[in-house]
Amino acid sequence: MELSSRIYLVGFMGSGKSHSGKALASAIEYAFSDLDDLIVQATDCSIPDLFASRGESFFRDLEKGILHQTARLDRHVIACGGGTPCFFDNMQWINSQGTSIYLKASAELLVTRLSPEQNQRPVLREAETSGLETFVRKKLEDRRRFYEQAHWIFDQDEEVDSLAGFVQKRLKA
């Protein structure tokens, strides 16, 4: 199998899209971009500030536009926001533009990773009333149908390889 010019990483916040994406990009000699970082660069405004000042609807429209700009990138790993695939036709568009990989993680693993940064992520503010684990389980269930449309699924609770190892094995198959 040949590697696509663009690899899109999708999955819930805390699934390691940025961390694993950087390692994957380095291993396959691709550049790395985080969609949230591209949004911050384009607006000169943090994601929490965008949510607070303009609302989620504005953010999702902006996110879609910047996602579409990634079609110009070559030899790139792109980490998408946790909600990116769940709005508009974003997941279908992602699949048409490159190879998509769902970084699947259990709710337990996600809660462990997200607990220290709960106050820094706008979407997690909803979790203050219901509890982080309940929130993660519900959102994960709501989003699963979008995430599972990815070309490949990297299950972090079952895989022994790194994402880079997983991709390299897939390419050899």
N, C-alpha and C. Protein backbone atom coordinates (compact mmCIF):
# COMPACT_ATOMS: atom_id res chain seq x y z
N MET A 1 0.84 -1.19 0.00
CA MET A 1 0.00 0.00 0.00
C MET A 1 0.88 1.25 0.00
N GLU A 2 0.47 2.23 -0.73
CA GLU A 2 1.22 3.48 -0.81
C GLU A 2 0.66 4.49 0.18
N LEU A 3 1.54 5.31 0.73
CA LEU A 3 1.13 6.31 1.72
C LEU A 3 0.55 7.53 1.04
N SER A 4 -0.55 8.00 1.56
CA SER A 4 -1.21 9.20 1.05
C SER A 4 -0.35 10.42 1.32
N SER A 5 -0.55 11.46 0.55
CA SER A 5 0.17 12.71 0.75
C SER A 5 -0.24 13.41 2.05
N ARG A 6 -1.45 13.11 2.51
CA ARG A 6 -1.95 13.68 3.77
C ARG A 6 -2.51 12.56 4.64
N ILE A 7 -2.16 12.59 5.90
CA ILE A 7 -2.71 11.66 6.88
C ILE A 7 -3.44 12.50 7.92
N TYR A 8 -4.73 12.24 8.07
CA TYR A 8 -5.56 12.96 9.03
C TYR A 8 -5.79 12.08 10.25
N LEU A 9 -5.47 12.60 11.41
CA LEU A 9 -5.70 11.89 12.65
C LEU A 9 -6.97 12.42 13.29
N VAL A 10 -7.88 11.51 13.61
CA VAL A 10 -9.14 11.89 14.25
C VAL A 10 -9.27 11.08 15.53
N GLY A 11 -10.06 11.60 16.44
CA GLY A 11 -10.31 10.93 17.70
C GLY A 11 -10.67 11.94 18.77
N PHE A 12 -11.07 11.43 19.89
CA PHE A 12 -11.52 12.28 20.99
C PHE A 12 -10.35 13.08 21.54
N MET A 13 -10.66 14.22 22.15
CA MET A 13 -9.60 14.99 22.78
C MET A 13 -8.89 14.10 23.80
N GLY A 14 -7.59 14.23 23.86
CA GLY A 14 -6.80 13.41 24.78
C GLY A 14 -6.40 12.07 24.20
N SER A 15 -6.77 11.79 22.95
CA SER A 15 -6.42 10.50 22.36
C SER A 15 -4.99 10.46 21.84
N GLY A 16 -4.31 11.58 21.89
CA GLY A 16 -2.90 11.60 21.49
C GLY A 16 -2.65 12.00 20.06
N LYS A 17 -3.59 12.68 19.45
CA LYS A 17 -3.43 13.05 18.03
C LYS A 17 -2.20 13.92 17.82
N SER A 18 -1.98 14.89 18.67
CA SER A 18 -0.82 15.78 18.52
C SER A 18 0.48 15.06 18.87
N HIS A 19 0.50 14.40 20.01
CA HIS A 19 1.71 13.72 20.46
C HIS A 19 2.12 12.61 19.48
N SER A 20 1.18 11.71 19.20
CA SER A 20 1.48 10.60 18.29
C SER A 20 1.68 11.08 16.86
N GLY A 21 0.95 12.14 16.49
CA GLY A 21 1.07 12.69 15.14
C GLY A 21 2.46 13.23 14.86
N LYS A 22 3.04 13.90 15.84
CA LYS A 22 4.40 14.43 15.68
C LYS A 22 5.40 13.29 15.51
N ALA A 23 5.25 12.25 16.31
CA ALA A 23 6.15 11.09 16.22
C ALA A 23 5.97 10.38 14.88
N LEU A 24 4.73 10.23 14.43
CA LEU A 24 4.47 9.61 13.13
C LEU A 24 5.09 10.43 12.01
N ALA A 25 4.87 11.73 12.04
CA ALA A 25 5.41 12.61 10.99
C ALA A 25 6.93 12.48 10.92
N SER A 26 7.57 12.47 12.06
CA SER A 26 9.02 12.33 12.09
C SER A 26 9.46 10.98 11.52
N ALA A 27 8.76 9.92 11.89
CA ALA A 27 9.13 8.57 11.43
C ALA A 27 8.98 8.40 9.93
N ILE A 28 8.00 9.05 9.33
CA ILE A 28 7.77 8.87 7.89
C ILE A 28 8.26 10.07 7.07
N GLU A 29 8.94 10.99 7.76
CA GLU A 29 9.52 12.18 7.13
C GLU A 29 8.46 13.05 6.46
N TYR A 30 7.39 13.30 7.20
CA TYR A 30 6.33 14.21 6.79
C TYR A 30 6.36 15.42 7.73
N ALA A 31 5.75 16.49 7.34
CA ALA A 31 5.55 17.64 8.23
C ALA A 31 4.33 17.34 9.10
N PHE A 32 4.19 18.09 10.18
CA PHE A 32 3.07 17.91 11.09
C PHE A 32 2.37 19.25 11.30
N SER A 33 1.05 19.21 11.30
CA SER A 33 0.24 20.38 11.65
C SER A 33 -0.92 19.96 12.53
N ASP A 34 -1.22 20.80 13.49
CA ASP A 34 -2.38 20.60 14.36
C ASP A 34 -3.44 21.60 13.89
N LEU A 35 -4.63 21.12 13.57
CA LEU A 35 -5.68 21.99 13.05
C LEU A 35 -5.98 23.14 14.02
N ASP A 36 -5.99 22.85 15.32
CA ASP A 36 -6.24 23.92 16.30
C ASP A 36 -5.15 25.00 16.23
N ASP A 37 -3.90 24.59 16.04
CA ASP A 37 -2.81 25.57 15.91
C ASP A 37 -2.98 26.42 14.65
N LEU A 38 -3.44 25.80 13.57
CA LEU A 38 -3.68 26.55 12.33
C LEU A 38 -4.80 27.58 12.54
N ILE A 39 -5.81 27.22 13.32
CA ILE A 39 -6.91 28.15 13.62
C ILE A 39 -6.40 29.31 14.45
N VAL A 40 -5.59 29.02 15.45
CA VAL A 40 -5.02 30.08 16.30
C VAL A 40 -4.15 31.01 15.46
N GLN A 41 -3.33 30.46 14.59
CA GLN A 41 -2.49 31.29 13.71
C GLN A 41 -3.33 32.18 12.81
N ALA A 42 -4.40 31.64 12.27
CA ALA A 42 -5.25 32.39 11.33
C ALA A 42 -6.02 33.52 12.01
N THR A 43 -6.36 33.31 13.28
CA THR A 43 -7.22 34.28 13.97
C THR A 43 -6.48 35.12 15.01
N ASP A 44 -5.28 34.69 15.36
CA ASP A 44 -4.52 35.34 16.43
C ASP A 44 -5.35 35.35 17.72
N CYS A 45 -6.07 34.27 17.94
CA CYS A 45 -6.96 34.14 19.09
C CYS A 45 -6.94 32.69 19.56
N SER A 46 -6.91 32.46 20.85
CA SER A 46 -6.91 31.09 21.37
C SER A 46 -8.26 30.42 21.13
N ILE A 47 -8.26 29.10 21.13
CA ILE A 47 -9.51 28.35 20.95
C ILE A 47 -10.51 28.68 22.07
N PRO A 48 -10.10 28.66 23.35
CA PRO A 48 -11.06 29.03 24.39
C PRO A 48 -11.64 30.44 24.21
N ASP A 49 -10.80 31.38 23.77
CA ASP A 49 -11.29 32.75 23.53
C ASP A 49 -12.25 32.81 22.35
N LEU A 50 -11.98 32.03 21.31
CA LEU A 50 -12.90 31.97 20.17
C LEU A 50 -14.26 31.42 20.60
N PHE A 51 -14.25 30.35 21.37
CA PHE A 51 -15.50 29.78 21.87
C PHE A 51 -16.25 30.80 22.72
N ALA A 52 -15.52 31.48 23.61
CA ALA A 52 -16.15 32.43 24.54
C ALA A 52 -16.70 33.66 23.83
N SER A 53 -15.94 34.17 22.87
CA SER A 53 -16.34 35.44 22.23
C SER A 53 -17.26 35.26 21.04
N ARG A 54 -17.10 34.17 20.30
CA ARG A 54 -17.86 34.01 19.05
C ARG A 54 -18.81 32.82 19.06
N GLY A 55 -18.61 31.88 19.98
CA GLY A 55 -19.49 30.72 20.07
C GLY A 55 -19.02 29.54 19.25
N GLU A 56 -19.61 28.39 19.54
CA GLU A 56 -19.19 27.16 18.85
C GLU A 56 -19.56 27.17 17.38
N SER A 57 -20.68 27.73 17.01
CA SER A 57 -21.09 27.73 15.61
C SER A 57 -20.07 28.48 14.74
N PHE A 58 -19.64 29.64 15.20
CA PHE A 58 -18.61 30.40 14.48
C PHE A 58 -17.33 29.57 14.38
N PHE A 59 -16.94 28.97 15.51
CA PHE A 59 -15.72 28.17 15.54
C PHE A 59 -15.80 27.03 14.53
N ARG A 60 -16.92 26.31 14.49
CA ARG A 60 -17.04 25.16 13.59
C ARG A 60 -17.00 25.58 12.12
N ASP A 61 -17.57 26.73 11.79
CA ASP A 61 -17.47 27.25 10.41
C ASP A 61 -16.02 27.56 10.06
N LEU A 62 -15.34 28.23 10.97
CA LEU A 62 -13.93 28.57 10.77
C LEU A 62 -13.08 27.31 10.66
N GLU A 63 -13.33 26.35 11.53
CA GLU A 63 -12.60 25.09 11.53
C GLU A 63 -12.76 24.38 10.18
N LYS A 64 -13.96 24.36 9.64
CA LYS A 64 -14.20 23.71 8.34
C LYS A 64 -13.39 24.40 7.25
N GLY A 65 -13.39 25.72 7.24
CA GLY A 65 -12.64 26.45 6.23
C GLY A 65 -11.15 26.16 6.30
N ILE A 66 -10.62 26.14 7.51
CA ILE A 66 -9.18 25.88 7.66
C ILE A 66 -8.86 24.42 7.36
N LEU A 67 -9.77 23.51 7.72
CA LEU A 67 -9.59 22.11 7.36
C LEU A 67 -9.46 21.99 5.84
N HIS A 68 -10.31 22.66 5.10
CA HIS A 68 -10.27 22.59 3.64
C HIS A 68 -8.97 23.17 3.08
N GLN A 69 -8.37 24.10 3.78
CA GLN A 69 -7.08 24.65 3.33
C GLN A 69 -5.96 23.62 3.42
N THR A 70 -6.14 22.58 4.24
CA THR A 70 -5.09 21.56 4.35
C THR A 70 -4.95 20.74 3.08
N ALA A 71 -5.90 20.85 2.16
CA ALA A 71 -5.80 20.13 0.89
C ALA A 71 -4.57 20.59 0.09
N ARG A 72 -4.05 21.76 0.43
CA ARG A 72 -2.85 22.27 -0.27
C ARG A 72 -1.55 21.70 0.31
N LEU A 73 -1.65 21.05 1.45
CA LEU A 73 -0.45 20.54 2.11
C LEU A 73 -0.03 19.22 1.48
N ASP A 74 1.27 19.02 1.38
CA ASP A 74 1.82 17.81 0.79
C ASP A 74 2.73 17.14 1.81
N ARG A 75 2.67 15.82 1.87
CA ARG A 75 3.49 15.05 2.81
C ARG A 75 3.32 15.62 4.23
N HIS A 76 2.09 15.51 4.71
CA HIS A 76 1.70 16.13 5.97
C HIS A 76 0.85 15.19 6.82
N VAL A 77 1.11 15.21 8.12
CA VAL A 77 0.23 14.58 9.10
C VAL A 77 -0.54 15.72 9.76
N ILE A 78 -1.86 15.62 9.77
CA ILE A 78 -2.71 16.69 10.31
C ILE A 78 -3.54 16.12 11.46
N ALA A 79 -3.36 16.70 12.65
CA ALA A 79 -4.15 16.31 13.81
C ALA A 79 -5.40 17.19 13.83
N CYS A 80 -6.56 16.56 13.71
CA CYS A 80 -7.83 17.29 13.72
C CYS A 80 -8.32 17.46 15.15
N GLY A 81 -9.15 18.46 15.37
CA GLY A 81 -9.77 18.62 16.67
C GLY A 81 -10.72 17.46 16.93
N GLY A 82 -11.01 17.21 18.19
CA GLY A 82 -11.87 16.09 18.56
C GLY A 82 -13.24 16.13 17.92
N GLY A 83 -13.77 17.34 17.71
CA GLY A 83 -15.10 17.47 17.13
C GLY A 83 -15.10 17.66 15.62
N THR A 84 -13.95 17.88 15.04
CA THR A 84 -13.87 18.19 13.60
C THR A 84 -14.64 17.21 12.73
N PRO A 85 -14.48 15.89 12.89
CA PRO A 85 -15.17 14.97 11.99
C PRO A 85 -16.69 14.95 12.15
N CYS A 86 -17.19 15.54 13.23
CA CYS A 86 -18.61 15.40 13.61
C CYS A 86 -19.50 16.51 13.07
N PHE A 87 -18.94 17.45 12.35
CA PHE A 87 -19.71 18.58 11.86
C PHE A 87 -19.65 18.64 10.33
N PHE A 88 -20.73 19.16 9.76
CA PHE A 88 -20.84 19.31 8.31
C PHE A 88 -20.57 17.95 7.65
N ASP A 89 -19.82 17.98 6.56
CA ASP A 89 -19.42 16.74 5.88
C ASP A 89 -17.92 16.51 6.09
N ASN A 90 -17.41 16.99 7.20
CA ASN A 90 -15.96 16.98 7.43
C ASN A 90 -15.33 15.59 7.33
N MET A 91 -15.98 14.57 7.87
CA MET A 91 -15.36 13.24 7.84
C MET A 91 -15.28 12.71 6.42
N GLN A 92 -16.31 12.92 5.63
CA GLN A 92 -16.27 12.49 4.23
C GLN A 92 -15.18 13.26 3.48
N TRP A 93 -15.08 14.55 3.77
CA TRP A 93 -14.07 15.37 3.10
C TRP A 93 -12.67 14.88 3.47
N ILE A 94 -12.45 14.63 4.77
CA ILE A 94 -11.15 14.12 5.23
C ILE A 94 -10.80 12.83 4.49
N ASN A 95 -11.77 11.92 4.41
CA ASN A 95 -11.51 10.64 3.74
C ASN A 95 -11.21 10.80 2.26
N SER A 96 -11.74 11.84 1.66
CA SER A 96 -11.50 12.07 0.22
C SER A 96 -10.15 12.75 -0.04
N GLN A 97 -9.55 13.30 0.99
CA GLN A 97 -8.33 14.09 0.82
C GLN A 97 -7.05 13.39 1.27
N GLY A 98 -7.20 12.25 1.91
CA GLY A 98 -6.01 11.54 2.39
C GLY A 98 -6.40 10.28 3.13
N THR A 99 -5.47 9.77 3.90
CA THR A 99 -5.71 8.60 4.73
C THR A 99 -6.11 9.10 6.11
N SER A 100 -7.22 8.60 6.62
CA SER A 100 -7.65 8.98 7.96
C SER A 100 -7.39 7.83 8.93
N ILE A 101 -6.96 8.20 10.13
CA ILE A 101 -6.70 7.21 11.18
C ILE A 101 -7.42 7.67 12.44
N TYR A 102 -8.25 6.79 12.97
CA TYR A 102 -8.95 7.04 14.23
C TYR A 102 -8.06 6.54 15.36
N LEU A 103 -7.64 7.45 16.24
CA LEU A 103 -6.90 7.08 17.43
C LEU A 103 -7.90 6.76 18.53
N LYS A 104 -8.28 5.51 18.56
CA LYS A 104 -9.31 5.04 19.49
C LYS A 104 -8.71 4.85 20.88
N ALA A 105 -9.44 5.31 21.89
CA ALA A 105 -9.01 5.13 23.28
C ALA A 105 -10.25 4.93 24.14
N SER A 106 -10.13 4.12 25.16
CA SER A 106 -11.25 3.88 26.07
C SER A 106 -11.55 5.14 26.88
N ALA A 107 -12.76 5.21 27.39
CA ALA A 107 -13.15 6.34 28.24
C ALA A 107 -12.22 6.44 29.45
N GLU A 108 -11.83 5.31 30.00
CA GLU A 108 -10.94 5.32 31.17
C GLU A 108 -9.60 5.96 30.85
N LEU A 109 -9.02 5.58 29.72
CA LEU A 109 -7.74 6.15 29.31
C LEU A 109 -7.88 7.65 29.05
N LEU A 110 -8.96 8.04 28.39
CA LEU A 110 -9.19 9.46 28.09
C LEU A 110 -9.37 10.29 29.36
N VAL A 111 -10.12 9.77 30.31
CA VAL A 111 -10.33 10.50 31.57
C VAL A 111 -8.99 10.70 32.29
N THR A 112 -8.16 9.68 32.31
CA THR A 112 -6.84 9.80 32.94
C THR A 112 -6.02 10.91 32.28
N ARG A 113 -6.07 10.96 30.96
CA ARG A 113 -5.29 11.97 30.22
C ARG A 113 -5.90 13.37 30.34
N LEU A 114 -7.22 13.46 30.38
CA LEU A 114 -7.89 14.77 30.36
C LEU A 114 -8.02 15.43 31.73
N SER A 115 -8.03 14.66 32.79
CA SER A 115 -8.24 15.21 34.13
C SER A 115 -7.33 16.40 34.44
N PRO A 116 -6.02 16.33 34.17
CA PRO A 116 -5.15 17.46 34.52
C PRO A 116 -5.41 18.73 33.72
N GLU A 117 -6.04 18.62 32.56
CA GLU A 117 -6.23 19.80 31.71
C GLU A 117 -7.70 20.15 31.50
N GLN A 118 -8.55 19.71 32.39
CA GLN A 118 -10.00 19.91 32.24
C GLN A 118 -10.37 21.40 32.11
N ASN A 119 -9.71 22.27 32.81
CA ASN A 119 -10.05 23.69 32.77
C ASN A 119 -9.53 24.40 31.52
N GLN A 120 -8.65 23.76 30.77
CA GLN A 120 -8.04 24.40 29.60
C GLN A 120 -8.78 24.10 28.30
N ARG A 121 -9.73 23.22 28.32
CA ARG A 121 -10.44 22.82 27.10
C ARG A 121 -11.90 23.28 27.19
N PRO A 122 -12.32 24.15 26.27
CA PRO A 122 -13.67 24.72 26.34
C PRO A 122 -14.78 23.69 26.39
N VAL A 123 -14.67 22.63 25.62
CA VAL A 123 -15.74 21.64 25.55
C VAL A 123 -15.88 20.90 26.89
N LEU A 124 -14.80 20.80 27.65
CA LEU A 124 -14.85 20.08 28.92
C LEU A 124 -15.53 20.86 30.03
N ARG A 125 -15.83 22.11 29.77
CA ARG A 125 -16.52 22.90 30.80
C ARG A 125 -17.89 22.31 31.10
N GLU A 126 -18.50 21.67 30.10
CA GLU A 126 -19.79 20.99 30.30
C GLU A 126 -19.66 19.87 31.34
N ALA A 127 -18.48 19.33 31.48
CA ALA A 127 -18.25 18.19 32.37
C ALA A 127 -18.27 18.59 33.84
N GLU A 128 -18.22 19.87 34.13
CA GLU A 128 -18.17 20.32 35.53
C GLU A 128 -19.41 19.88 36.30
N THR A 129 -20.56 19.80 35.62
CA THR A 129 -21.77 19.43 36.33
C THR A 129 -22.01 17.93 36.33
N SER A 130 -21.74 17.25 35.23
CA SER A 130 -22.04 15.82 35.13
C SER A 130 -20.89 14.93 35.57
N GLY A 131 -19.70 15.48 35.67
CA GLY A 131 -18.53 14.67 35.97
C GLY A 131 -17.81 14.30 34.70
N LEU A 132 -16.49 14.30 34.76
CA LEU A 132 -15.68 14.09 33.57
C LEU A 132 -15.92 12.73 32.92
N GLU A 133 -15.96 11.68 33.71
CA GLU A 133 -16.13 10.35 33.11
C GLU A 133 -17.47 10.20 32.41
N THR A 134 -18.54 10.68 33.03
CA THR A 134 -19.86 10.63 32.41
C THR A 134 -19.87 11.43 31.11
N PHE A 135 -19.27 12.61 31.16
CA PHE A 135 -19.19 13.47 29.98
C PHE A 135 -18.44 12.77 28.84
N VAL A 136 -17.27 12.23 29.15
CA VAL A 136 -16.44 11.57 28.13
C VAL A 136 -17.19 10.38 27.53
N ARG A 137 -17.80 9.56 28.36
CA ARG A 137 -18.53 8.39 27.85
C ARG A 137 -19.65 8.81 26.89
N LYS A 138 -20.41 9.83 27.27
CA LYS A 138 -21.52 10.28 26.42
C LYS A 138 -21.02 10.87 25.11
N LYS A 139 -20.04 11.77 25.18
CA LYS A 139 -19.50 12.39 23.96
C LYS A 139 -18.85 11.35 23.05
N LEU A 140 -18.13 10.43 23.65
CA LEU A 140 -17.46 9.39 22.88
C LEU A 140 -18.50 8.54 22.14
N GLU A 141 -19.57 8.20 22.80
CA GLU A 141 -20.63 7.44 22.16
C GLU A 141 -21.28 8.24 21.02
N ASP A 142 -21.51 9.53 21.24
CA ASP A 142 -22.10 10.40 20.21
C ASP A 142 -21.20 10.52 18.99
N ARG A 143 -19.89 10.53 19.21
CA ARG A 143 -18.93 10.78 18.13
C ARG A 143 -18.42 9.52 17.45
N ARG A 144 -18.59 8.38 18.09
CA ARG A 144 -18.02 7.13 17.59
C ARG A 144 -18.37 6.88 16.13
N ARG A 145 -19.62 7.12 15.73
CA ARG A 145 -20.04 6.82 14.36
C ARG A 145 -19.27 7.65 13.33
N PHE A 146 -18.81 8.83 13.72
CA PHE A 146 -18.00 9.63 12.81
C PHE A 146 -16.57 9.10 12.79
N TYR A 147 -16.01 8.90 13.99
CA TYR A 147 -14.63 8.43 14.08
C TYR A 147 -14.42 7.10 13.36
N GLU A 148 -15.39 6.21 13.48
CA GLU A 148 -15.23 4.87 12.91
C GLU A 148 -15.34 4.84 11.39
N GLN A 149 -15.59 5.98 10.77
CA GLN A 149 -15.56 6.07 9.31
C GLN A 149 -14.14 6.21 8.78
N ALA A 150 -13.18 6.35 9.68
CA ALA A 150 -11.78 6.50 9.27
C ALA A 150 -11.31 5.27 8.50
N HIS A 151 -10.32 5.47 7.66
CA HIS A 151 -9.76 4.36 6.89
C HIS A 151 -9.16 3.29 7.81
N TRP A 152 -8.42 3.73 8.83
CA TRP A 152 -7.76 2.81 9.75
C TRP A 152 -8.14 3.17 11.17
N ILE A 153 -8.20 2.17 12.04
CA ILE A 153 -8.46 2.40 13.46
C ILE A 153 -7.26 1.88 14.26
N PHE A 154 -6.67 2.80 15.01
CA PHE A 154 -5.54 2.48 15.88
C PHE A 154 -6.07 2.44 17.31
N ASP A 155 -6.30 1.24 17.83
CA ASP A 155 -6.89 1.07 19.15
C ASP A 155 -5.78 1.07 20.19
N GLN A 156 -5.69 2.16 20.94
CA GLN A 156 -4.60 2.32 21.90
C GLN A 156 -4.71 1.39 23.10
N ASP A 157 -5.89 0.85 23.34
CA ASP A 157 -6.05 -0.09 24.45
C ASP A 157 -5.65 -1.51 24.06
N GLU A 158 -5.46 -1.75 22.76
CA GLU A 158 -5.11 -3.10 22.30
C GLU A 158 -3.77 -3.17 21.57
N GLU A 159 -3.40 -2.12 20.87
CA GLU A 159 -2.17 -2.13 20.08
C GLU A 159 -0.93 -2.08 20.97
N VAL A 160 0.07 -2.84 20.62
CA VAL A 160 1.33 -2.79 21.35
C VAL A 160 2.32 -1.86 20.67
N ASP A 161 2.09 -1.60 19.40
CA ASP A 161 2.97 -0.71 18.64
C ASP A 161 2.60 0.75 18.87
N SER A 162 3.53 1.62 18.56
CA SER A 162 3.24 3.05 18.50
C SER A 162 2.42 3.30 17.23
N LEU A 163 1.88 4.50 17.11
CA LEU A 163 1.15 4.84 15.88
C LEU A 163 2.06 4.70 14.67
N ALA A 164 3.30 5.15 14.80
CA ALA A 164 4.25 5.05 13.69
C ALA A 164 4.47 3.59 13.31
N GLY A 165 4.63 2.71 14.30
CA GLY A 165 4.79 1.28 14.04
C GLY A 165 3.56 0.68 13.37
N PHE A 166 2.39 1.09 13.85
CA PHE A 166 1.12 0.64 13.29
C PHE A 166 1.04 1.01 11.81
N VAL A 167 1.35 2.27 11.48
CA VAL A 167 1.28 2.74 10.09
C VAL A 167 2.30 2.00 9.24
N GLN A 168 3.51 1.85 9.74
CA GLN A 168 4.54 1.18 8.96
C GLN A 168 4.17 -0.28 8.67
N LYS A 169 3.53 -0.95 9.62
CA LYS A 169 3.07 -2.33 9.38
C LYS A 169 1.98 -2.36 8.32
N ARG A 170 1.07 -1.39 8.37
CA ARG A 170 -0.01 -1.32 7.39
C ARG A 170 0.54 -1.11 5.99
N LEU A 171 1.58 -0.32 5.88
CA LEU A 171 2.17 -0.03 4.57
C LEU A 171 2.83 -1.26 3.97
N LYS A 172 3.34 -2.11 4.82
CA LYS A 172 4.01 -3.33 4.36
C LYS A 172 3.03 -4.44 4.00
N ALA A 173 1.81 -4.32 4.52
CA ALA A 173 0.80 -5.38 4.31
C ALA A 173 0.30 -5.41 2.88
